[in-house]
Amino acid sequence: MQKLQRSGVGFEAAKHKVMKTQTELVTEAQLMKKQNLTVPIVSSNIMGSQHSVQGNQQENQNDLTVQEVMVNIHQSAHIGNLVGDLRKRLQVLRALSVACWGGSRLLLRRVYIAFIRSKLEYGWPAWGILRSSSLKKLTVIQNTALRNILGVRKTSPVLSLEVESRIPPLELRLQLLTARWYIRLMNRGNHDHTLKQLGLARRGQQTVFETQARQVLVSMKAPIPRRVRTGTLSPVTPWSNFPSFISVDAPCRTAYHGQETANEAMMQEDLNAKYSGFTQIFTDGSKLSSGSTAASLFVPSLAQTVGWKLNPAHTVLGAELFGIHQALTFANKHPALHNKDIVILSDSQSALHLLKNIRNPNYRHIVYDIQKLASQRQQVSKVCFQWVRGHCGIRV
């Protein structure tokens, strides 16, 4: 335990002696909290949440407030309980890795990721930066699991284990999680509970979590995300029947490969029966293995096709949602489609399920924009969304 030094009206004024036990340290911290004092700790590696320093002491880089001392104590207790639980789970992995009847390396790797590492990573952003001693304890757990997966001796180098099992070092994995959570949180509203707890809702104040996430993104040569002012609530009211205009069931009969002509006739017949008088707009999004990402739309009645090349960072689902968004924008701006009923046909069920979710969907920013555009257009005409089968040889 690091030595607590004297600080003005610190422990000397309180006439208390700091012992090495956790209980007595908590007692001293509670006493100082009542007196609004600061505990200076020399050469500390602990970095918790940022708190304002109270008292008459001048703030410096080596000073930690009482709240941060408590965070350190709670973090140590959490890591201790976590390591104990992970060791029990390692026994399950060890039993599955028996040489005579145990599972394959692929199976054991999946068990580790789903059963052990998921427990280790849970709630990681809330703890910020771990001390080197705590990180070492968790790293030992992962290295033990890798040896069980690969069936090697303890003398095997850790770097070889990580390469052969395709599992990154724990420190790099936690840094990646920090960057992912930071990007995700930047797309949430100011009233989000997690944003408030991590201190990201305050303007002009950079927390430890945000500083660490930005450092990771810079080291990865990734752009720093800008804060997106996404609404907390969907623009669609809870009593609206908006989800009823989205159909994720196939409108046509079963399509067979090798019968493209019959399939086209059946699809158009069923679509015309269900959406009589509607203007059809087909949308699609795709991403190649090379990373090339694009979205497009096609309006058969106008014989017009529009395409967009997107950033390779977009996912296939993001490209599908972008295509639907652009279809609504195109319908609102094109004079030939003004005040006409339209049906947007997409081969992505996942995208349509997101549009039906008015509570807390993923891709919230673009989903809310699509819901807003559709709700505004429904005031003057009908807007429907229909899923159609893709890659079955139907030409539109």
Protein backbone atom coordinates (compact mmCIF):
# COMPACT_ATOMS: atom_id res chain seq x y z
CA MET A 1 0.00 0.00 0.00
CA GLN A 2 1.35 3.39 -0.86
CA LYS A 3 2.33 5.74 1.85
CA LEU A 4 -0.11 8.53 2.63
CA GLN A 5 1.77 11.77 3.25
CA ARG A 6 0.78 14.73 5.26
CA SER A 7 -1.26 17.46 3.54
CA GLY A 8 -2.01 20.65 5.47
CA VAL A 9 -5.06 19.84 7.54
CA GLY A 10 -4.94 16.16 6.53
CA PHE A 11 -4.70 13.08 8.66
CA GLU A 12 -2.39 14.84 11.15
CA ALA A 13 -5.13 17.31 12.04
CA ALA A 14 -7.66 14.53 12.28
CA LYS A 15 -5.30 12.65 14.66
CA HIS A 16 -5.89 9.37 12.95
CA LYS A 17 -3.38 6.77 11.86
CA VAL A 18 -3.90 5.07 8.49
CA MET A 19 -3.52 1.31 8.76
CA LYS A 20 -3.02 -1.16 5.92
CA THR A 21 -6.36 -2.85 6.31
CA GLN A 22 -9.16 -1.92 3.95
CA THR A 23 -11.71 -1.35 6.74
CA GLU A 24 -9.60 1.27 8.50
CA LEU A 25 -8.80 3.03 5.23
CA VAL A 26 -12.52 3.30 4.53
CA THR A 27 -13.00 4.81 7.99
CA GLU A 28 -10.36 7.44 7.31
CA ALA A 29 -11.84 8.21 3.91
CA GLN A 30 -15.30 8.70 5.36
CA LEU A 31 -13.90 11.04 8.01
CA MET A 32 -12.06 13.13 5.45
CA LYS A 33 -15.15 13.25 3.26
CA LYS A 34 -17.03 14.96 6.07
CA GLN A 35 -14.19 17.50 6.46
CA ASN A 36 -13.80 18.08 2.68
CA LEU A 37 -10.11 17.15 2.64
CA THR A 38 -7.82 15.85 -0.08
CA VAL A 39 -5.60 12.77 0.19
CA PRO A 40 -2.31 13.19 -1.73
CA ILE A 41 -0.86 9.87 -2.92
CA VAL A 42 2.62 9.88 -4.41
CA SER A 43 3.40 7.98 -7.65
CA SER A 44 -0.11 6.70 -8.10
CA ASN A 45 -1.14 4.74 -11.20
CA ILE A 46 -4.81 4.79 -10.29
CA MET A 47 -7.05 6.65 -12.73
CA GLY A 48 -10.71 6.67 -11.93
CA SER A 49 -13.51 9.07 -12.76
CA GLN A 50 -12.68 12.76 -12.61
CA HIS A 51 -14.03 14.55 -9.54
CA SER A 52 -13.76 18.11 -8.32
CA VAL A 53 -11.18 18.64 -5.53
CA GLN A 54 -12.67 20.23 -2.43
CA GLY A 55 -10.98 21.96 0.50
CA ASN A 56 -8.34 24.61 0.80
CA GLN A 57 -5.57 22.51 -0.82
CA GLN A 58 -4.19 23.53 -4.21
CA GLU A 59 -4.88 20.84 -6.81
CA ASN A 60 -1.93 19.07 -8.43
CA GLN A 61 -1.43 16.00 -10.60
CA ASN A 62 -0.54 13.67 -7.72
CA ASP A 63 -3.64 14.48 -5.63
CA LEU A 64 -6.58 12.09 -5.48
CA THR A 65 -9.85 13.01 -3.87
CA VAL A 66 -11.54 10.84 -1.28
CA GLN A 67 -14.05 9.67 -3.88
CA GLU A 68 -11.20 8.41 -6.08
CA VAL A 69 -9.68 6.53 -3.13
CA MET A 70 -13.07 4.86 -2.68
CA VAL A 71 -13.19 4.03 -6.40
CA ASN A 72 -9.81 2.33 -6.04
CA ILE A 73 -11.03 0.27 -3.08
CA HIS A 74 -14.23 -0.77 -4.85
CA GLN A 75 -12.29 -1.61 -8.03
CA SER A 76 -9.91 -3.85 -6.09
CA ALA A 77 -12.83 -5.64 -4.44
CA HIS A 78 -14.54 -6.07 -7.80
CA ILE A 79 -11.41 -7.48 -9.44
CA GLY A 80 -10.96 -9.90 -6.53
CA ASN A 81 -14.50 -11.23 -6.84
CA LEU A 82 -14.20 -11.34 -10.64
CA VAL A 83 -10.98 -13.37 -10.55
CA GLY A 84 -12.56 -15.85 -8.14
CA ASP A 85 -15.55 -16.34 -10.42
CA LEU A 86 -13.36 -16.67 -13.53
CA ARG A 87 -11.26 -19.37 -11.89
CA LYS A 88 -14.39 -21.43 -11.33
CA ARG A 89 -15.28 -21.04 -14.99
CA LEU A 90 -11.77 -22.09 -15.96
CA GLN A 91 -12.46 -25.42 -14.28
CA VAL A 92 -15.27 -25.99 -16.78
CA LEU A 93 -12.94 -25.17 -19.67
CA ARG A 94 -10.26 -27.45 -18.23
CA ALA A 95 -12.77 -30.31 -17.97
CA LEU A 96 -13.77 -29.83 -21.63
CA SER A 97 -10.14 -29.87 -22.77
CA VAL A 98 -9.36 -33.41 -21.54
CA ALA A 99 -7.11 -35.14 -24.10
CA CYS A 100 -9.05 -38.43 -24.34
CA TRP A 101 -12.54 -37.06 -25.06
CA GLY A 102 -12.27 -33.26 -24.91
CA GLY A 103 -13.55 -30.80 -27.50
CA SER A 104 -11.66 -29.38 -30.45
CA ARG A 105 -9.68 -26.16 -30.32
CA LEU A 106 -12.43 -24.33 -32.17
CA LEU A 107 -15.04 -25.45 -29.65
CA LEU A 108 -12.84 -24.58 -26.66
CA ARG A 109 -12.11 -21.15 -28.13
CA ARG A 110 -15.83 -20.46 -28.50
CA VAL A 111 -16.43 -21.60 -24.91
CA TYR A 112 -13.74 -19.22 -23.67
CA ILE A 113 -15.10 -16.24 -25.61
CA ALA A 114 -18.75 -16.83 -24.68
CA PHE A 115 -18.37 -18.18 -21.14
CA ILE A 116 -15.23 -16.61 -19.69
CA ARG A 117 -14.19 -13.53 -21.65
CA SER A 118 -17.75 -12.19 -21.76
CA LYS A 119 -17.78 -12.22 -17.95
CA LEU A 120 -14.38 -10.53 -17.84
CA GLU A 121 -15.42 -7.71 -20.20
CA TYR A 122 -18.82 -6.99 -18.65
CA GLY A 123 -19.12 -3.38 -17.48
CA TRP A 124 -15.55 -2.60 -18.50
CA PRO A 125 -16.06 1.10 -19.52
CA ALA A 126 -17.36 1.92 -16.03
CA TRP A 127 -13.99 1.05 -14.47
CA GLY A 128 -11.80 3.20 -16.68
CA ILE A 129 -8.10 2.35 -16.55
CA LEU A 130 -7.09 -0.63 -14.45
CA ARG A 131 -4.00 -0.67 -12.27
CA SER A 132 -1.15 -2.80 -13.51
CA SER A 133 -1.67 -5.30 -10.68
CA SER A 134 -5.36 -5.75 -11.53
CA LEU A 135 -4.63 -6.08 -15.25
CA LYS A 136 -1.97 -8.69 -14.48
CA LYS A 137 -4.48 -10.82 -12.55
CA LEU A 138 -6.91 -10.81 -15.47
CA THR A 139 -4.13 -11.50 -17.97
CA VAL A 140 -3.14 -14.60 -16.00
CA ILE A 141 -6.72 -15.86 -16.35
CA GLN A 142 -6.65 -15.44 -20.13
CA ASN A 143 -3.19 -17.04 -20.50
CA THR A 144 -4.34 -20.04 -18.47
CA ALA A 145 -7.38 -20.40 -20.70
CA LEU A 146 -5.22 -20.24 -23.84
CA ARG A 147 -2.99 -23.03 -22.55
CA ASN A 148 -6.06 -25.15 -21.90
CA ILE A 149 -7.41 -24.46 -25.38
CA LEU A 150 -4.17 -25.31 -27.17
CA GLY A 151 -3.02 -28.04 -24.78
CA VAL A 152 0.51 -26.67 -24.29
CA ARG A 153 2.87 -26.40 -21.34
CA LYS A 154 3.30 -23.42 -19.04
CA THR A 155 6.70 -22.70 -20.57
CA SER A 156 5.14 -21.86 -23.94
CA PRO A 157 5.54 -18.15 -24.80
CA VAL A 158 2.36 -16.12 -24.43
CA LEU A 159 2.82 -14.38 -27.79
CA SER A 160 2.74 -17.73 -29.59
CA LEU A 161 -0.44 -18.70 -27.73
CA GLU A 162 -2.20 -15.51 -28.77
CA VAL A 163 -1.17 -15.89 -32.42
CA GLU A 164 -2.14 -19.54 -32.67
CA SER A 165 -5.50 -19.08 -30.94
CA ARG A 166 -6.24 -15.76 -32.72
CA ILE A 167 -7.10 -14.09 -29.44
CA PRO A 168 -5.53 -10.63 -28.91
CA PRO A 169 -3.77 -9.58 -25.69
CA LEU A 170 -6.19 -8.56 -22.99
CA GLU A 171 -4.89 -5.00 -22.79
CA LEU A 172 -5.46 -4.45 -26.51
CA ARG A 173 -8.88 -6.06 -26.30
CA LEU A 174 -9.96 -3.73 -23.48
CA GLN A 175 -8.67 -0.72 -25.40
CA LEU A 176 -10.73 -1.79 -28.41
CA LEU A 177 -13.83 -2.10 -26.22
CA THR A 178 -13.21 1.40 -24.86
CA ALA A 179 -13.03 2.83 -28.39
CA ARG A 180 -16.18 0.94 -29.47
CA TRP A 181 -18.17 2.13 -26.47
CA TYR A 182 -17.00 5.70 -27.01
CA ILE A 183 -18.16 5.67 -30.64
CA ARG A 184 -21.49 4.14 -29.60
CA LEU A 185 -22.04 6.65 -26.81
CA MET A 186 -21.32 9.58 -29.11
CA ASN A 187 -24.53 8.68 -30.95
CA ARG A 188 -26.77 8.82 -27.89
CA GLY A 189 -28.83 11.68 -26.55
CA ASN A 190 -27.75 13.95 -23.71
CA HIS A 191 -30.35 12.41 -21.40
CA ASP A 192 -28.86 8.91 -21.68
CA HIS A 193 -28.10 7.45 -18.24
CA THR A 194 -24.78 5.90 -19.28
CA LEU A 195 -23.58 9.22 -20.69
CA LYS A 196 -24.30 10.94 -17.40
CA GLN A 197 -22.56 8.27 -15.33
CA LEU A 198 -19.40 8.43 -17.46
CA GLY A 199 -19.46 12.23 -17.53
CA LEU A 200 -19.77 12.49 -21.31
CA ALA A 201 -22.94 14.61 -21.19
CA ARG A 202 -21.04 17.63 -19.83
CA ARG A 203 -19.63 20.06 -22.35
CA GLY A 204 -16.07 21.37 -22.20
CA GLN A 205 -14.94 18.70 -19.73
CA GLN A 206 -12.98 15.64 -20.86
CA THR A 207 -13.19 12.60 -18.61
CA VAL A 208 -10.59 9.87 -18.16
CA PHE A 209 -12.74 7.47 -20.19
CA GLU A 210 -12.97 9.94 -23.08
CA THR A 211 -9.24 10.69 -22.95
CA GLN A 212 -8.36 7.01 -23.08
CA ALA A 213 -10.80 6.33 -25.93
CA ARG A 214 -9.39 9.20 -27.98
CA GLN A 215 -5.83 7.96 -27.44
CA VAL A 216 -6.82 4.50 -28.66
CA LEU A 217 -8.51 5.94 -31.77
CA VAL A 218 -5.44 8.08 -32.55
CA SER A 219 -3.14 5.07 -32.19
CA MET A 220 -5.42 3.15 -34.59
CA LYS A 221 -5.35 6.12 -37.02
CA ALA A 222 -9.12 6.24 -36.82
CA PRO A 223 -11.07 9.52 -36.98
CA ILE A 224 -12.36 10.97 -33.73
CA PRO A 225 -16.18 10.72 -33.85
CA ARG A 226 -18.19 13.88 -33.59
CA ARG A 227 -21.03 14.14 -31.15
CA VAL A 228 -24.29 13.30 -32.94
CA ARG A 229 -27.29 14.97 -31.36
CA THR A 230 -29.61 12.00 -31.65
CA GLY A 231 -32.95 12.27 -29.94
CA THR A 232 -33.64 10.01 -27.00
CA LEU A 233 -37.18 9.24 -28.18
CA SER A 234 -38.43 8.18 -31.56
CA PRO A 235 -40.35 10.81 -33.60
CA VAL A 236 -43.10 8.19 -33.95
CA THR A 237 -45.61 8.42 -31.11
CA PRO A 238 -46.36 5.22 -29.13
CA TRP A 239 -50.03 5.29 -30.16
CA SER A 240 -49.19 5.59 -33.86
CA ASN A 241 -49.89 2.69 -36.22
CA PHE A 242 -46.63 3.30 -38.08
CA PRO A 243 -45.27 -0.26 -37.53
CA SER A 244 -48.35 -1.66 -39.29
CA PHE A 245 -47.15 -0.13 -42.58
CA ILE A 246 -43.98 -2.24 -42.47
CA SER A 247 -44.31 -5.82 -43.70
CA VAL A 248 -41.47 -8.31 -43.26
CA ASP A 249 -43.36 -11.22 -44.85
CA ALA A 250 -42.81 -12.21 -48.45
CA PRO A 251 -45.57 -10.71 -50.65
CA CYS A 252 -45.28 -13.39 -53.31
CA ARG A 253 -45.37 -17.13 -53.52
CA THR A 254 -42.33 -19.35 -53.12
CA ALA A 255 -39.65 -18.53 -55.69
CA TYR A 256 -37.52 -21.21 -57.26
CA HIS A 257 -34.13 -20.92 -58.88
CA GLY A 258 -34.12 -21.49 -62.60
CA GLN A 259 -37.65 -20.11 -63.06
CA GLU A 260 -36.89 -16.38 -63.17
CA THR A 261 -39.66 -15.52 -65.64
CA ALA A 262 -42.36 -17.23 -63.58
CA ASN A 263 -40.99 -15.73 -60.38
CA GLU A 264 -41.08 -12.20 -61.79
CA ALA A 265 -44.67 -12.65 -62.96
CA MET A 266 -45.79 -14.00 -59.57
CA MET A 267 -44.02 -11.25 -57.65
CA GLN A 268 -45.45 -8.43 -59.74
CA GLU A 269 -48.92 -9.97 -59.60
CA ASP A 270 -48.84 -10.21 -55.80
CA LEU A 271 -47.33 -6.74 -55.36
CA ASN A 272 -49.95 -5.17 -57.63
CA ALA A 273 -52.71 -6.91 -55.70
CA LYS A 274 -51.41 -5.79 -52.31
CA TYR A 275 -50.24 -2.30 -53.29
CA SER A 276 -52.62 -1.28 -56.04
CA GLY A 277 -51.91 2.27 -57.21
CA PHE A 278 -48.62 2.53 -55.30
CA THR A 279 -45.36 3.65 -56.90
CA GLN A 280 -42.69 1.01 -56.31
CA ILE A 281 -39.16 2.00 -55.21
CA PHE A 282 -36.57 -0.77 -54.89
CA THR A 283 -33.58 -0.19 -52.58
CA ASP A 284 -30.44 -2.19 -51.93
CA GLY A 285 -27.13 -1.97 -50.10
CA SER A 286 -24.05 -4.12 -50.51
CA LYS A 287 -20.46 -4.48 -49.39
CA LEU A 288 -17.74 -6.44 -51.17
CA SER A 289 -14.94 -8.39 -49.52
CA SER A 290 -12.54 -5.66 -50.70
CA GLY A 291 -14.43 -3.16 -48.51
CA SER A 292 -16.24 -1.32 -51.30
CA THR A 293 -19.67 -0.27 -49.99
CA ALA A 294 -22.57 1.20 -51.95
CA ALA A 295 -26.32 1.82 -51.85
CA SER A 296 -28.80 2.35 -54.66
CA LEU A 297 -32.47 2.76 -55.56
CA PHE A 298 -34.52 1.97 -58.65
CA VAL A 299 -37.92 3.37 -59.66
CA PRO A 300 -39.46 1.18 -62.42
CA SER A 301 -42.21 3.67 -63.31
CA LEU A 302 -39.61 6.38 -63.98
CA ALA A 303 -36.93 4.00 -65.31
CA GLN A 304 -34.48 5.82 -63.06
CA THR A 305 -31.61 4.41 -61.00
CA VAL A 306 -29.50 6.30 -58.46
CA GLY A 307 -26.44 4.95 -56.65
CA TRP A 308 -24.13 6.16 -53.88
CA LYS A 309 -20.64 5.01 -52.99
CA LEU A 310 -20.26 4.92 -49.21
CA ASN A 311 -17.37 4.91 -46.79
CA PRO A 312 -15.92 1.40 -46.35
CA ALA A 313 -16.51 1.74 -42.60
CA HIS A 314 -20.26 1.28 -43.22
CA THR A 315 -21.78 -2.14 -42.65
CA VAL A 316 -24.17 -3.90 -45.04
CA LEU A 317 -27.07 -3.07 -42.71
CA GLY A 318 -25.98 0.57 -42.63
CA ALA A 319 -25.92 0.63 -46.44
CA GLU A 320 -29.43 -0.88 -46.57
CA LEU A 321 -30.75 1.78 -44.19
CA PHE A 322 -29.02 4.52 -46.19
CA GLY A 323 -30.75 3.28 -49.35
CA ILE A 324 -34.16 3.41 -47.66
CA HIS A 325 -33.42 6.90 -46.33
CA GLN A 326 -32.43 8.13 -49.78
CA ALA A 327 -35.58 6.56 -51.29
CA LEU A 328 -37.78 8.65 -48.99
CA THR A 329 -35.72 11.76 -49.73
CA PHE A 330 -35.97 11.07 -53.47
CA ALA A 331 -39.75 10.62 -53.26
CA ASN A 332 -40.17 13.89 -51.36
CA LYS A 333 -38.12 15.90 -53.85
CA HIS A 334 -39.14 14.38 -57.19
CA PRO A 335 -42.11 16.26 -58.71
CA ALA A 336 -43.51 13.11 -60.37
CA LEU A 337 -43.86 11.41 -56.96
CA HIS A 338 -45.33 14.35 -55.11
CA ASN A 339 -48.42 13.35 -53.06
CA LYS A 340 -48.34 9.83 -54.51
CA ASP A 341 -48.57 6.63 -52.50
CA ILE A 342 -45.24 4.80 -52.49
CA VAL A 343 -44.03 1.40 -51.34
CA ILE A 344 -40.33 0.93 -50.64
CA LEU A 345 -39.16 -2.61 -51.31
CA SER A 346 -36.02 -3.88 -49.58
CA ASP A 347 -34.41 -7.31 -49.33
CA SER A 348 -33.13 -6.61 -45.78
CA GLN A 349 -35.43 -7.91 -43.06
CA SER A 350 -33.05 -6.60 -40.40
CA ALA A 351 -33.43 -3.03 -41.67
CA LEU A 352 -37.24 -3.27 -41.69
CA HIS A 353 -37.28 -4.74 -38.18
CA LEU A 354 -35.23 -1.76 -36.99
CA LEU A 355 -37.75 0.62 -38.55
CA LYS A 356 -40.57 -1.12 -36.66
CA ASN A 357 -38.73 -0.58 -33.37
CA ILE A 358 -39.74 2.79 -31.90
CA ARG A 359 -38.23 2.22 -28.46
CA ASN A 360 -34.47 1.76 -28.57
CA PRO A 361 -33.20 0.52 -31.96
CA ASN A 362 -29.63 0.15 -33.13
CA TYR A 363 -28.48 2.62 -35.80
CA ARG A 364 -30.69 5.04 -33.91
CA HIS A 365 -29.70 8.20 -35.75
CA ILE A 366 -30.60 7.07 -39.28
CA VAL A 367 -33.55 4.96 -38.08
CA TYR A 368 -35.10 7.98 -36.37
CA ASP A 369 -34.51 10.07 -39.51
CA ILE A 370 -36.31 7.47 -41.65
CA GLN A 371 -39.20 7.29 -39.19
CA LYS A 372 -39.45 11.08 -39.19
CA LEU A 373 -39.48 11.34 -43.00
CA ALA A 374 -42.05 8.56 -43.30
CA SER A 375 -44.31 10.09 -40.64
CA GLN A 376 -44.23 13.49 -42.33
CA ARG A 377 -45.07 12.03 -45.73
CA GLN A 378 -47.91 9.93 -44.31
CA GLN A 379 -49.75 13.15 -43.54
CA VAL A 380 -50.33 13.71 -47.27
CA SER A 381 -49.98 10.22 -48.78
CA LYS A 382 -49.35 6.60 -47.86
CA VAL A 383 -45.88 5.16 -47.29
CA CYS A 384 -45.37 1.41 -46.92
CA PHE A 385 -42.28 -0.76 -46.53
CA GLN A 386 -42.21 -4.28 -47.93
CA TRP A 387 -39.60 -7.04 -47.75
CA VAL A 388 -38.85 -8.96 -50.96
CA ARG A 389 -36.61 -11.92 -51.52
CA GLY A 390 -33.14 -11.11 -52.77
CA HIS A 391 -30.68 -13.07 -54.90
CA CYS A 392 -33.33 -15.38 -56.34
CA GLY A 393 -32.94 -14.40 -60.01
CA ILE A 394 -35.75 -11.84 -60.17
CA ARG A 395 -35.03 -8.87 -62.42
CA VAL A 396 -36.70 -5.62 -61.57
